[in-house]
Amino acid sequence: MFSIYQRGQSVLNFAVTLVGFISAFIFITSLIQLQLTDSFHKDSSISTISTASSVKFSKRFGSVGGKAKENNKIVFDLQSDLTDLFNWNTKQVFVYLTAEYPGKTPESSNKVVYWDKIITSKEDANLTLTNERAKYSVWDVEESFKNRDATLKLEWNIQPYVGLLTYGETEGIGSFTFPDVTEEKPKSQKKKANRRKNN
């Protein structure tokens, strides 16, 4: 005859197994729905309005020991309808605009993020951005971006209620060439220049 403890343990094991099966069912069916709606092949329109590179001397912009660091920002247009990424298992969608460009060797490439957004509802998933300024000023491990070609992509990451993160990207791309640098003096030099003007 089973004791109360054994009966309780059996019920608990059954409940855990049932929850596991239900969770797996929810996650798998949500992936199937994404495939059926062709969500992994969504189009996007990305165009670069302007791009500018400048030299920064702050640690916030990658400078080490007061040494100048080249930074780049862009202004862009973007249109993409991501409403199909939302289903019964979507908690939120994290979208981000990346630029990929050649690295030190022909076999290598680098990637930076200019802009991102967390979308929490289907109603906000149809993105239309005009003259949008990059959220982030980016820099590279090398000294300069100059004259390298970059490819822009809109990538996304579905954060579900149940299951694993799901990653993807839209099929539309944009491109631009990193420009020459606009020189910027460090704060110490600016202060000296201002003192000379005042004198």
C-alpha atoms as a PDB file:
ATOM      1  CA  MET A   1       0.000   0.000   0.000  1.00  0.00           C
ATOM      2  CA  PHE A   2       1.347   3.417  -0.989  1.00  0.00           C
ATOM      3  CA  SER A   3       2.082   5.991   1.669  1.00  0.00           C
ATOM      4  CA  ILE A   4       0.876   9.588   1.411  1.00  0.00           C
ATOM      5  CA  TYR A   5       4.443  10.644   0.591  1.00  0.00           C
ATOM      6  CA  GLN A   6       4.684   8.160  -2.302  1.00  0.00           C
ATOM      7  CA  ARG A   7       1.296   9.210  -3.650  1.00  0.00           C
ATOM      8  CA  GLY A   8       2.285  12.893  -3.435  1.00  0.00           C
ATOM      9  CA  GLN A   9       5.560  12.212  -5.216  1.00  0.00           C
ATOM     10  CA  SER A  10       3.771  10.329  -7.990  1.00  0.00           C
ATOM     11  CA  VAL A  11       1.312  13.186  -8.497  1.00  0.00           C
ATOM     12  CA  LEU A  12       4.145  15.720  -8.536  1.00  0.00           C
ATOM     13  CA  ASN A  13       6.151  13.697 -11.073  1.00  0.00           C
ATOM     14  CA  PHE A  14       3.089  13.388 -13.289  1.00  0.00           C
ATOM     15  CA  ALA A  15       2.418  17.141 -13.044  1.00  0.00           C
ATOM     16  CA  VAL A  16       6.026  18.031 -13.930  1.00  0.00           C
ATOM     17  CA  THR A  17       5.974  15.642 -16.904  1.00  0.00           C
ATOM     18  CA  LEU A  18       2.652  17.059 -18.089  1.00  0.00           C
ATOM     19  CA  VAL A  19       3.914  20.647 -17.839  1.00  0.00           C
ATOM     20  CA  GLY A  20       7.024  19.642 -19.785  1.00  0.00           C
ATOM     21  CA  PHE A  21       4.961  18.100 -22.592  1.00  0.00           C
ATOM     22  CA  ILE A  22       2.623  21.099 -22.735  1.00  0.00           C
ATOM     23  CA  SER A  23       5.570  23.529 -22.822  1.00  0.00           C
ATOM     24  CA  ALA A  24       7.239  21.558 -25.609  1.00  0.00           C
ATOM     25  CA  PHE A  25       3.949  21.471 -27.543  1.00  0.00           C
ATOM     26  CA  ILE A  26       3.502  25.248 -27.217  1.00  0.00           C
ATOM     27  CA  PHE A  27       7.075  25.946 -28.352  1.00  0.00           C
ATOM     28  CA  ILE A  28       7.039  23.511 -31.295  1.00  0.00           C
ATOM     29  CA  THR A  29       3.658  24.691 -32.592  1.00  0.00           C
ATOM     30  CA  SER A  30       4.798  28.328 -32.362  1.00  0.00           C
ATOM     31  CA  LEU A  31       7.837  27.471 -34.524  1.00  0.00           C
ATOM     32  CA  ILE A  32       5.585  25.700 -37.025  1.00  0.00           C
ATOM     33  CA  GLN A  33       3.380  28.798 -37.176  1.00  0.00           C
ATOM     34  CA  LEU A  34       6.443  30.959 -37.923  1.00  0.00           C
ATOM     35  CA  GLN A  35       7.366  28.605 -40.774  1.00  0.00           C
ATOM     36  CA  LEU A  36       3.826  28.583 -42.189  1.00  0.00           C
ATOM     37  CA  THR A  37       3.679  32.395 -42.246  1.00  0.00           C
ATOM     38  CA  ASP A  38       7.155  32.523 -43.868  1.00  0.00           C
ATOM     39  CA  SER A  39       8.383  34.674 -40.981  1.00  0.00           C
ATOM     40  CA  PHE A  40      12.017  33.743 -41.598  1.00  0.00           C
ATOM     41  CA  HIS A  41      11.909  35.388 -45.045  1.00  0.00           C
ATOM     42  CA  LYS A  42      10.384  38.786 -44.307  1.00  0.00           C
ATOM     43  CA  ASP A  43      11.306  41.710 -46.536  1.00  0.00           C
ATOM     44  CA  SER A  44      12.661  45.027 -45.334  1.00  0.00           C
ATOM     45  CA  SER A  45      13.703  48.259 -46.965  1.00  0.00           C
ATOM     46  CA  ILE A  46      16.842  49.881 -45.555  1.00  0.00           C
ATOM     47  CA  SER A  47      18.548  52.970 -46.923  1.00  0.00           C
ATOM     48  CA  THR A  48      21.292  55.152 -45.516  1.00  0.00           C
ATOM     49  CA  ILE A  49      20.571  58.879 -45.600  1.00  0.00           C
ATOM     50  CA  SER A  50      23.939  59.971 -44.256  1.00  0.00           C
ATOM     51  CA  THR A  51      26.973  58.628 -42.456  1.00  0.00           C
ATOM     52  CA  ALA A  52      29.667  60.502 -40.565  1.00  0.00           C
ATOM     53  CA  SER A  53      32.865  59.464 -38.830  1.00  0.00           C
ATOM     54  CA  SER A  54      34.568  61.542 -36.160  1.00  0.00           C
ATOM     55  CA  VAL A  55      37.415  61.202 -33.700  1.00  0.00           C
ATOM     56  CA  LYS A  56      36.479  60.884 -30.020  1.00  0.00           C
ATOM     57  CA  PHE A  57      38.663  61.135 -26.933  1.00  0.00           C
ATOM     58  CA  SER A  58      36.214  59.838 -24.311  1.00  0.00           C
ATOM     59  CA  LYS A  59      36.291  56.347 -22.764  1.00  0.00           C
ATOM     60  CA  ARG A  60      32.570  56.157 -23.568  1.00  0.00           C
ATOM     61  CA  PHE A  61      33.516  56.076 -27.243  1.00  0.00           C
ATOM     62  CA  GLY A  62      36.328  53.530 -27.100  1.00  0.00           C
ATOM     63  CA  SER A  63      39.241  55.842 -26.335  1.00  0.00           C
ATOM     64  CA  VAL A  64      41.981  54.340 -24.165  1.00  0.00           C
ATOM     65  CA  GLY A  65      44.494  56.530 -22.344  1.00  0.00           C
ATOM     66  CA  GLY A  66      43.258  59.665 -24.085  1.00  0.00           C
ATOM     67  CA  LYS A  67      44.179  58.249 -27.493  1.00  0.00           C
ATOM     68  CA  ALA A  68      41.884  59.273 -30.347  1.00  0.00           C
ATOM     69  CA  LYS A  69      39.287  56.710 -31.440  1.00  0.00           C
ATOM     70  CA  GLU A  70      37.351  56.858 -34.684  1.00  0.00           C
ATOM     71  CA  ASN A  71      33.553  56.624 -34.255  1.00  0.00           C
ATOM     72  CA  ASN A  72      30.789  56.345 -36.824  1.00  0.00           C
ATOM     73  CA  LYS A  73      27.055  57.122 -36.794  1.00  0.00           C
ATOM     74  CA  ILE A  74      24.399  56.931 -39.494  1.00  0.00           C
ATOM     75  CA  VAL A  75      20.982  58.345 -40.318  1.00  0.00           C
ATOM     76  CA  PHE A  76      18.709  55.830 -42.051  1.00  0.00           C
ATOM     77  CA  ASP A  77      15.249  54.967 -43.361  1.00  0.00           C
ATOM     78  CA  LEU A  78      13.714  51.603 -42.507  1.00  0.00           C
ATOM     79  CA  GLN A  79      10.471  49.813 -43.322  1.00  0.00           C
ATOM     80  CA  SER A  80       9.622  46.266 -42.263  1.00  0.00           C
ATOM     81  CA  ASP A  81       6.431  44.497 -41.189  1.00  0.00           C
ATOM     82  CA  LEU A  82       7.239  42.033 -38.393  1.00  0.00           C
ATOM     83  CA  THR A  83       3.694  41.414 -37.149  1.00  0.00           C
ATOM     84  CA  ASP A  84       3.855  37.717 -38.108  1.00  0.00           C
ATOM     85  CA  LEU A  85       6.576  37.186 -35.505  1.00  0.00           C
ATOM     86  CA  PHE A  86       3.891  37.538 -32.837  1.00  0.00           C
ATOM     87  CA  ASN A  87       1.859  34.483 -31.865  1.00  0.00           C
ATOM     88  CA  TRP A  88       0.576  32.830 -28.670  1.00  0.00           C
ATOM     89  CA  ASN A  89       4.134  32.167 -27.470  1.00  0.00           C
ATOM     90  CA  THR A  90       5.724  35.563 -28.213  1.00  0.00           C
ATOM     91  CA  LYS A  91       6.511  37.654 -25.161  1.00  0.00           C
ATOM     92  CA  GLN A  92       8.463  40.324 -27.041  1.00  0.00           C
ATOM     93  CA  VAL A  93      10.683  40.788 -30.084  1.00  0.00           C
ATOM     94  CA  PHE A  94      14.102  42.419 -29.938  1.00  0.00           C
ATOM     95  CA  VAL A  95      15.072  43.994 -33.281  1.00  0.00           C
ATOM     96  CA  TYR A  96      18.443  45.499 -34.115  1.00  0.00           C
ATOM     97  CA  LEU A  97      20.110  47.114 -37.122  1.00  0.00           C
ATOM     98  CA  THR A  98      23.589  45.744 -37.784  1.00  0.00           C
ATOM     99  CA  ALA A  99      26.391  46.681 -40.148  1.00  0.00           C
ATOM    100  CA  GLU A 100      28.851  44.030 -41.311  1.00  0.00           C
ATOM    101  CA  TYR A 101      32.140  45.044 -42.924  1.00  0.00           C
ATOM    102  CA  PRO A 102      35.541  43.491 -43.796  1.00  0.00           C
ATOM    103  CA  GLY A 103      38.031  42.771 -41.025  1.00  0.00           C
ATOM    104  CA  LYS A 104      41.818  42.664 -41.041  1.00  0.00           C
ATOM    105  CA  THR A 105      41.976  39.628 -43.314  1.00  0.00           C
ATOM    106  CA  PRO A 106      39.877  38.686 -46.372  1.00  0.00           C
ATOM    107  CA  GLU A 107      38.398  35.755 -44.445  1.00  0.00           C
ATOM    108  CA  SER A 108      37.243  37.840 -41.479  1.00  0.00           C
ATOM    109  CA  SER A 109      34.396  40.299 -40.964  1.00  0.00           C
ATOM    110  CA  ASN A 110      33.231  42.594 -38.185  1.00  0.00           C
ATOM    111  CA  LYS A 111      29.707  43.448 -37.072  1.00  0.00           C
ATOM    112  CA  VAL A 112      28.382  46.426 -35.090  1.00  0.00           C
ATOM    113  CA  VAL A 113      24.905  47.453 -33.889  1.00  0.00           C
ATOM    114  CA  TYR A 114      23.646  50.975 -34.696  1.00  0.00           C
ATOM    115  CA  TRP A 115      20.070  50.775 -33.467  1.00  0.00           C
ATOM    116  CA  ASP A 116      17.765  48.470 -31.534  1.00  0.00           C
ATOM    117  CA  LYS A 117      14.254  48.311 -30.161  1.00  0.00           C
ATOM    118  CA  ILE A 118      12.117  46.030 -27.984  1.00  0.00           C
ATOM    119  CA  ILE A 119       8.659  45.421 -29.476  1.00  0.00           C
ATOM    120  CA  THR A 120       6.129  44.213 -26.923  1.00  0.00           C
ATOM    121  CA  SER A 121       2.944  44.093 -28.999  1.00  0.00           C
ATOM    122  CA  LYS A 122       1.819  43.095 -32.481  1.00  0.00           C
ATOM    123  CA  GLU A 123       0.396  46.575 -33.032  1.00  0.00           C
ATOM    124  CA  ASP A 124       3.895  48.094 -32.823  1.00  0.00           C
ATOM    125  CA  ALA A 125       5.601  45.505 -35.046  1.00  0.00           C
ATOM    126  CA  ASN A 126       5.087  47.299 -38.368  1.00  0.00           C
ATOM    127  CA  LEU A 127       8.207  49.472 -38.437  1.00  0.00           C
ATOM    128  CA  THR A 128       8.378  52.649 -40.512  1.00  0.00           C
ATOM    129  CA  LEU A 129      11.312  54.897 -39.640  1.00  0.00           C
ATOM    130  CA  THR A 130      12.291  58.037 -41.546  1.00  0.00           C
ATOM    131  CA  ASN A 131      15.504  59.991 -40.977  1.00  0.00           C
ATOM    132  CA  GLU A 132      16.147  57.865 -37.902  1.00  0.00           C
ATOM    133  CA  ARG A 133      19.398  58.628 -36.098  1.00  0.00           C
ATOM    134  CA  ALA A 134      21.514  55.712 -34.952  1.00  0.00           C
ATOM    135  CA  LYS A 135      21.121  54.975 -31.257  1.00  0.00           C
ATOM    136  CA  TYR A 136      24.770  54.101 -30.872  1.00  0.00           C
ATOM    137  CA  SER A 137      28.080  55.569 -31.959  1.00  0.00           C
ATOM    138  CA  VAL A 138      30.223  52.609 -33.021  1.00  0.00           C
ATOM    139  CA  TRP A 139      33.959  52.022 -33.178  1.00  0.00           C
ATOM    140  CA  ASP A 140      36.244  49.238 -34.323  1.00  0.00           C
ATOM    141  CA  VAL A 141      39.202  47.394 -32.809  1.00  0.00           C
ATOM    142  CA  GLU A 142      41.265  48.766 -35.680  1.00  0.00           C
ATOM    143  CA  GLU A 143      42.218  52.421 -35.995  1.00  0.00           C
ATOM    144  CA  SER A 144      39.897  53.344 -38.852  1.00  0.00           C
ATOM    145  CA  PHE A 145      36.758  52.325 -40.769  1.00  0.00           C
ATOM    146  CA  LYS A 146      37.792  54.481 -43.737  1.00  0.00           C
ATOM    147  CA  ASN A 147      36.847  53.320 -47.256  1.00  0.00           C
ATOM    148  CA  ARG A 148      35.428  49.987 -46.108  1.00  0.00           C
ATOM    149  CA  ASP A 149      32.030  48.929 -47.444  1.00  0.00           C
ATOM    150  CA  ALA A 150      29.341  47.982 -44.922  1.00  0.00           C
ATOM    151  CA  THR A 151      26.160  45.947 -45.356  1.00  0.00           C
ATOM    152  CA  LEU A 152      23.132  46.833 -43.221  1.00  0.00           C
ATOM    153  CA  LYS A 153      20.715  44.161 -42.014  1.00  0.00           C
ATOM    154  CA  LEU A 154      17.688  44.169 -39.735  1.00  0.00           C
ATOM    155  CA  GLU A 155      17.964  41.198 -37.379  1.00  0.00           C
ATOM    156  CA  TRP A 156      15.476  39.973 -34.801  1.00  0.00           C
ATOM    157  CA  ASN A 157      15.238  37.783 -31.735  1.00  0.00           C
ATOM    158  CA  ILE A 158      11.944  36.362 -30.457  1.00  0.00           C
ATOM    159  CA  GLN A 159      11.796  36.025 -26.682  1.00  0.00           C
ATOM    160  CA  PRO A 160       9.061  33.434 -25.976  1.00  0.00           C
ATOM    161  CA  TYR A 161       6.981  32.688 -22.919  1.00  0.00           C
ATOM    162  CA  VAL A 162       8.067  29.067 -23.211  1.00  0.00           C
ATOM    163  CA  GLY A 163      11.115  27.580 -24.928  1.00  0.00           C
ATOM    164  CA  LEU A 164      14.310  28.808 -26.522  1.00  0.00           C
ATOM    165  CA  LEU A 165      15.135  32.162 -28.095  1.00  0.00           C
ATOM    166  CA  THR A 166      14.518  32.242 -31.846  1.00  0.00           C
ATOM    167  CA  TYR A 167      16.815  34.284 -34.096  1.00  0.00           C
ATOM    168  CA  GLY A 168      16.381  35.520 -37.654  1.00  0.00           C
ATOM    169  CA  GLU A 169      16.890  38.425 -40.037  1.00  0.00           C
ATOM    170  CA  THR A 170      14.949  40.157 -42.793  1.00  0.00           C
ATOM    171  CA  GLU A 171      15.917  39.710 -46.422  1.00  0.00           C
ATOM    172  CA  GLY A 172      16.316  43.356 -47.383  1.00  0.00           C
ATOM    173  CA  ILE A 173      19.752  44.922 -47.018  1.00  0.00           C
ATOM    174  CA  GLY A 174      21.290  48.373 -47.298  1.00  0.00           C
ATOM    175  CA  SER A 175      24.863  49.434 -47.861  1.00  0.00           C
ATOM    176  CA  PHE A 176      27.233  52.364 -47.490  1.00  0.00           C
ATOM    177  CA  THR A 177      30.938  53.183 -47.510  1.00  0.00           C
ATOM    178  CA  PHE A 178      32.570  54.524 -44.365  1.00  0.00           C
ATOM    179  CA  PRO A 179      33.589  58.163 -45.003  1.00  0.00           C
ATOM    180  CA  ASP A 180      36.661  60.201 -44.124  1.00  0.00           C
ATOM    181  CA  VAL A 181      37.040  61.289 -40.527  1.00  0.00           C
ATOM    182  CA  THR A 182      35.915  64.641 -39.149  1.00  0.00           C
ATOM    183  CA  GLU A 183      38.609  65.639 -36.678  1.00  0.00           C
ATOM    184  CA  GLU A 184      37.589  66.499 -33.125  1.00  0.00           C
ATOM    185  CA  LYS A 185      39.973  67.957 -30.548  1.00  0.00           C
ATOM    186  CA  PRO A 186      40.170  66.513 -27.039  1.00  0.00           C
ATOM    187  CA  LYS A 187      38.656  68.563 -24.196  1.00  0.00           C
ATOM    188  CA  SER A 188      42.058  69.673 -22.921  1.00  0.00           C
ATOM    189  CA  GLN A 189      42.927  71.141 -26.318  1.00  0.00           C
ATOM    190  CA  LYS A 190      39.516  72.793 -26.584  1.00  0.00           C
ATOM    191  CA  LYS A 191      39.977  74.488 -23.207  1.00  0.00           C
ATOM    192  CA  LYS A 192      43.397  75.808 -24.242  1.00  0.00           C
ATOM    193  CA  ALA A 193      41.964  77.147 -27.498  1.00  0.00           C
ATOM    194  CA  ASN A 194      39.132  78.902 -25.637  1.00  0.00           C
ATOM    195  CA  ARG A 195      41.604  80.508 -23.217  1.00  0.00           C
ATOM    196  CA  ARG A 196      43.632  81.875 -26.110  1.00  0.00           C
ATOM    197  CA  LYS A 197      40.496  83.366 -27.652  1.00  0.00           C
ATOM    198  CA  ASN A 198      39.496  85.004 -24.377  1.00  0.00           C
ATOM    199  CA  ASN A 199      42.984  86.472 -23.938  1.00  0.00           C
END
